[in-house]
Amino acid sequence: MRIYMQTRHSSEHPLRFFHLHLEPDLLGGWTLIRESGLQGARGQATKEYFEHREDAEQALVKQRDMRLKRGYRVVFREGELRDTD
């Protein structure tokens, strides 16, 4: 799963991006990669390890929702979240 988000462009604030990427590792766990920064410049990346996919998806959704509240909008989304019911 991959979600790419950006802020809206304005003359007062530079365009910023936030990229969430969820990928499996070779040991059966999952890694949530978060990248953020100014559009067109080198960003900062962090990785967070999870043993279960459901936990990683919850963390991804939490990060997405926090950024939506801060004015980011989803520009690109790839993949679907699994139904955890």
C-alpha atoms as a PDB file:
ATOM      1  CA  MET A   1       0.000   0.000   0.000  1.00  0.00           C
ATOM      2  CA  ARG A   2       1.207   3.462  -0.838  1.00  0.00           C
ATOM      3  CA  ILE A   3      -0.297   6.909  -0.145  1.00  0.00           C
ATOM      4  CA  TYR A   4       1.206  10.150  -1.462  1.00  0.00           C
ATOM      5  CA  MET A   5      -0.085  13.433  -0.013  1.00  0.00           C
ATOM      6  CA  GLN A   6       0.627  17.126  -0.600  1.00  0.00           C
ATOM      7  CA  THR A   7      -0.334  20.452   0.884  1.00  0.00           C
ATOM      8  CA  ARG A   8      -2.082  22.978  -1.318  1.00  0.00           C
ATOM      9  CA  HIS A   9       0.179  25.479  -3.038  1.00  0.00           C
ATOM     10  CA  SER A  10       0.043  29.057  -1.811  1.00  0.00           C
ATOM     11  CA  SER A  11       2.321  32.082  -2.008  1.00  0.00           C
ATOM     12  CA  GLU A  12       2.810  32.074   1.794  1.00  0.00           C
ATOM     13  CA  HIS A  13       3.671  28.385   2.239  1.00  0.00           C
ATOM     14  CA  PRO A  14       5.899  26.134   0.129  1.00  0.00           C
ATOM     15  CA  LEU A  15       4.444  22.905  -1.262  1.00  0.00           C
ATOM     16  CA  ARG A  16       5.108  19.985   1.094  1.00  0.00           C
ATOM     17  CA  PHE A  17       4.716  16.235   0.569  1.00  0.00           C
ATOM     18  CA  PHE A  18       4.078  13.237   2.814  1.00  0.00           C
ATOM     19  CA  HIS A  19       4.510   9.677   1.508  1.00  0.00           C
ATOM     20  CA  LEU A  20       3.399   6.541   3.378  1.00  0.00           C
ATOM     21  CA  HIS A  21       4.534   3.151   2.109  1.00  0.00           C
ATOM     22  CA  LEU A  22       3.725  -0.212   3.679  1.00  0.00           C
ATOM     23  CA  GLU A  23       5.817  -3.219   2.629  1.00  0.00           C
ATOM     24  CA  PRO A  24       6.405  -6.772   3.872  1.00  0.00           C
ATOM     25  CA  ASP A  25       9.846  -7.817   5.058  1.00  0.00           C
ATOM     26  CA  LEU A  26      11.577 -11.174   4.579  1.00  0.00           C
ATOM     27  CA  LEU A  27      10.788 -12.387   8.107  1.00  0.00           C
ATOM     28  CA  GLY A  28       6.990 -12.079   7.895  1.00  0.00           C
ATOM     29  CA  GLY A  29       6.724  -8.638   9.473  1.00  0.00           C
ATOM     30  CA  TRP A  30       5.766  -5.287   7.965  1.00  0.00           C
ATOM     31  CA  THR A  31       7.567  -1.968   7.635  1.00  0.00           C
ATOM     32  CA  LEU A  32       5.834   1.412   7.491  1.00  0.00           C
ATOM     33  CA  ILE A  33       8.024   3.947   5.706  1.00  0.00           C
ATOM     34  CA  ARG A  34       7.204   7.642   6.121  1.00  0.00           C
ATOM     35  CA  GLU A  35       8.834  10.271   3.943  1.00  0.00           C
ATOM     36  CA  SER A  36       8.170  13.998   4.175  1.00  0.00           C
ATOM     37  CA  GLY A  37       9.627  17.331   3.169  1.00  0.00           C
ATOM     38  CA  LEU A  38       9.452  20.199   0.712  1.00  0.00           C
ATOM     39  CA  GLN A  39       8.343  19.269  -2.782  1.00  0.00           C
ATOM     40  CA  GLY A  40      11.353  19.069  -5.102  1.00  0.00           C
ATOM     41  CA  ALA A  41      13.870  18.824  -2.256  1.00  0.00           C
ATOM     42  CA  ARG A  42      15.378  15.940  -0.349  1.00  0.00           C
ATOM     43  CA  GLY A  43      12.949  14.679   2.262  1.00  0.00           C
ATOM     44  CA  GLN A  44      13.343  12.889   5.551  1.00  0.00           C
ATOM     45  CA  ALA A  45      12.464   9.187   5.888  1.00  0.00           C
ATOM     46  CA  THR A  46      11.660   7.061   8.929  1.00  0.00           C
ATOM     47  CA  LYS A  47      10.885   3.350   9.177  1.00  0.00           C
ATOM     48  CA  GLU A  48       8.744   1.607  11.772  1.00  0.00           C
ATOM     49  CA  TYR A  49       8.587  -2.184  12.107  1.00  0.00           C
ATOM     50  CA  PHE A  50       5.421  -4.168  12.930  1.00  0.00           C
ATOM     51  CA  GLU A  51       4.998  -7.899  13.470  1.00  0.00           C
ATOM     52  CA  HIS A  52       1.419  -7.944  12.125  1.00  0.00           C
ATOM     53  CA  ARG A  53      -0.041  -6.341   9.016  1.00  0.00           C
ATOM     54  CA  GLU A  54      -3.137  -5.145  10.870  1.00  0.00           C
ATOM     55  CA  ASP A  55      -0.993  -3.117  13.297  1.00  0.00           C
ATOM     56  CA  ALA A  56       0.978  -1.603  10.415  1.00  0.00           C
ATOM     57  CA  GLU A  57      -2.238  -0.675   8.582  1.00  0.00           C
ATOM     58  CA  GLN A  58      -3.644   0.986  11.713  1.00  0.00           C
ATOM     59  CA  ALA A  59      -0.465   3.061  12.043  1.00  0.00           C
ATOM     60  CA  LEU A  60      -0.667   4.022   8.347  1.00  0.00           C
ATOM     61  CA  VAL A  61      -4.304   5.123   8.702  1.00  0.00           C
ATOM     62  CA  LYS A  62      -3.468   7.103  11.846  1.00  0.00           C
ATOM     63  CA  GLN A  63      -0.633   8.942  10.052  1.00  0.00           C
ATOM     64  CA  ARG A  64      -2.862   9.605   7.031  1.00  0.00           C
ATOM     65  CA  ASP A  65      -5.658  10.994   9.195  1.00  0.00           C
ATOM     66  CA  MET A  66      -3.258  13.258  11.112  1.00  0.00           C
ATOM     67  CA  ARG A  67      -1.969  14.736   7.850  1.00  0.00           C
ATOM     68  CA  LEU A  68      -5.491  15.228   6.480  1.00  0.00           C
ATOM     69  CA  LYS A  69      -6.303  17.288   9.596  1.00  0.00           C
ATOM     70  CA  ARG A  70      -3.211  19.409   8.915  1.00  0.00           C
ATOM     71  CA  GLY A  71      -4.375  20.337   5.422  1.00  0.00           C
ATOM     72  CA  TYR A  72      -2.714  17.665   3.293  1.00  0.00           C
ATOM     73  CA  ARG A  73      -4.712  16.021   0.516  1.00  0.00           C
ATOM     74  CA  VAL A  74      -4.280  12.574  -1.009  1.00  0.00           C
ATOM     75  CA  VAL A  75      -2.792  12.891  -4.498  1.00  0.00           C
ATOM     76  CA  PHE A  76      -2.066   9.219  -5.187  1.00  0.00           C
ATOM     77  CA  ARG A  77      -3.117   5.964  -3.568  1.00  0.00           C
ATOM     78  CA  GLU A  78      -2.120   2.441  -4.533  1.00  0.00           C
ATOM     79  CA  GLY A  79      -3.454  -0.735  -2.932  1.00  0.00           C
ATOM     80  CA  GLU A  80      -6.303  -1.343  -0.533  1.00  0.00           C
ATOM     81  CA  LEU A  81      -6.468  -1.753   3.216  1.00  0.00           C
ATOM     82  CA  ARG A  82      -7.604  -5.182   4.310  1.00  0.00           C
ATOM     83  CA  ASP A  83     -10.878  -5.480   6.148  1.00  0.00           C
ATOM     84  CA  THR A  84      -9.931  -6.177   9.776  1.00  0.00           C
ATOM     85  CA  ASP A  85     -13.414  -7.226  10.998  1.00  0.00           C
END
